[in-house]
């Protein structure tokens, strides 16, 4: 079992972006890799809906997908067989791989 300090060190130093979202889809935590990948400062993302990181065309549908996951959560890759994209602060889209747990 990791101590809180050890957990935070692993979380902060992970090379992959990690976003912690609550049941309502609000971003509660993120690691520095997310800031680097998306171009947003931590303060700009915390407390916002995770959909802010998605291309506009996918935001509405994502809310329904997220709500369905909350009703039956289990670790899994997201969008199997699909090309998923995210949106940077500057509006540019980029391919992503996402897993839920």
Protein backbone atom coordinates (compact mmCIF):
# COMPACT_ATOMS: atom_id res chain seq x y z
CA UNK A 1 0.00 0.00 0.00
CA UNK A 2 1.37 3.40 -0.97
CA UNK A 3 1.37 6.30 1.41
CA UNK A 4 -0.36 9.49 0.26
CA UNK A 5 3.05 11.03 -0.48
CA UNK A 6 4.18 8.02 -2.51
CA UNK A 7 0.92 7.95 -4.44
CA UNK A 8 1.23 11.67 -5.24
CA UNK A 9 4.82 11.21 -6.42
CA UNK A 10 3.80 8.41 -8.80
CA UNK A 11 0.76 10.39 -10.03
CA UNK A 12 2.77 13.56 -10.64
CA UNK A 13 5.65 11.82 -12.42
CA UNK A 14 3.61 9.50 -14.68
CA UNK A 15 4.55 10.04 -18.34
CA UNK A 16 0.93 9.54 -19.46
CA UNK A 17 -1.77 12.09 -18.81
CA UNK A 18 -4.03 11.15 -15.90
CA UNK A 19 -7.32 12.95 -15.32
CA UNK A 20 -9.48 12.24 -12.28
CA UNK A 21 -13.15 12.98 -12.90
CA UNK A 22 -16.05 12.72 -10.45
CA UNK A 23 -19.44 11.13 -11.19
CA UNK A 24 -20.73 14.41 -12.64
CA UNK A 25 -17.82 14.66 -15.09
CA UNK A 26 -16.03 17.44 -13.23
CA UNK A 27 -12.23 17.32 -13.33
CA UNK A 28 -10.98 16.91 -9.75
CA UNK A 29 -7.28 16.25 -10.39
CA UNK A 30 -4.78 15.98 -13.22
CA UNK A 31 -1.09 15.38 -13.53
CA UNK A 32 1.53 17.57 -15.23
CA UNK A 33 1.49 15.38 -18.36
CA UNK A 34 -2.09 16.57 -19.00
CA UNK A 35 -0.98 20.19 -18.85
CA UNK A 36 1.79 19.45 -21.33
CA UNK A 37 -0.44 17.46 -23.71
CA UNK A 38 -3.41 19.83 -23.72
CA UNK A 39 -1.72 23.21 -23.19
CA UNK A 40 -4.01 24.20 -20.33
CA UNK A 41 -2.72 25.22 -16.91
CA UNK A 42 -3.95 23.03 -14.08
CA UNK A 43 -6.15 25.84 -12.74
CA UNK A 44 -7.94 26.17 -16.09
CA UNK A 45 -9.07 22.53 -16.04
CA UNK A 46 -9.79 21.82 -12.36
CA UNK A 47 -13.49 22.19 -11.61
CA UNK A 48 -14.48 22.13 -15.28
CA UNK A 49 -16.40 19.47 -17.18
CA UNK A 50 -14.08 16.91 -18.75
CA UNK A 51 -15.86 17.55 -22.05
CA UNK A 52 -13.87 20.79 -22.38
CA UNK A 53 -11.01 18.54 -23.53
CA UNK A 54 -13.04 17.05 -26.38
CA UNK A 55 -13.73 18.37 -29.87
CA UNK A 56 -17.01 20.29 -29.90
CA UNK A 57 -18.71 17.71 -32.14
CA UNK A 58 -18.30 14.95 -29.53
CA UNK A 59 -19.18 16.76 -26.31
CA UNK A 60 -22.94 16.18 -26.18
CA UNK A 61 -22.66 12.45 -26.96
CA UNK A 62 -19.84 12.07 -24.43
CA UNK A 63 -22.08 13.16 -21.56
CA UNK A 64 -24.40 10.19 -22.26
CA UNK A 65 -21.42 7.80 -22.57
CA UNK A 66 -20.01 9.08 -19.28
CA UNK A 67 -23.34 8.70 -17.48
CA UNK A 68 -23.67 5.12 -18.78
CA UNK A 69 -20.17 4.32 -17.47
CA UNK A 70 -21.04 5.73 -14.02
CA UNK A 71 -24.02 3.35 -13.84
CA UNK A 72 -21.76 0.33 -14.60
CA UNK A 73 -18.12 1.24 -13.90
CA UNK A 74 -15.38 -1.23 -14.73
CA UNK A 75 -11.82 -0.79 -16.00
CA UNK A 76 -11.75 -0.83 -19.79
CA UNK A 77 -10.34 0.91 -22.83
CA UNK A 78 -12.59 3.58 -24.26
CA UNK A 79 -13.67 3.70 -27.88
CA UNK A 80 -12.33 0.32 -28.93
CA UNK A 81 -12.02 0.26 -32.70
CA UNK A 82 -12.49 4.03 -32.95
CA UNK A 83 -10.02 6.80 -33.58
CA UNK A 84 -10.43 9.05 -30.56
CA UNK A 85 -9.35 12.68 -30.54
CA UNK A 86 -8.98 15.35 -27.90
CA UNK A 87 -8.76 19.14 -28.15
CA UNK A 88 -5.86 21.28 -27.03
CA UNK A 89 -6.28 24.77 -25.62
CA UNK A 90 -5.35 26.22 -29.01
CA UNK A 91 -8.21 24.25 -30.61
CA UNK A 92 -6.03 21.74 -32.43
CA UNK A 93 -7.19 18.15 -32.22
CA UNK A 94 -4.87 15.20 -31.62
CA UNK A 95 -5.29 11.42 -31.41
CA UNK A 96 -5.58 9.88 -27.95
CA UNK A 97 -5.92 6.50 -26.31
CA UNK A 98 -8.16 6.50 -23.26
CA UNK A 99 -8.79 3.93 -20.56
CA UNK A 100 -11.36 4.16 -17.79
CA UNK A 101 -10.94 2.83 -14.30
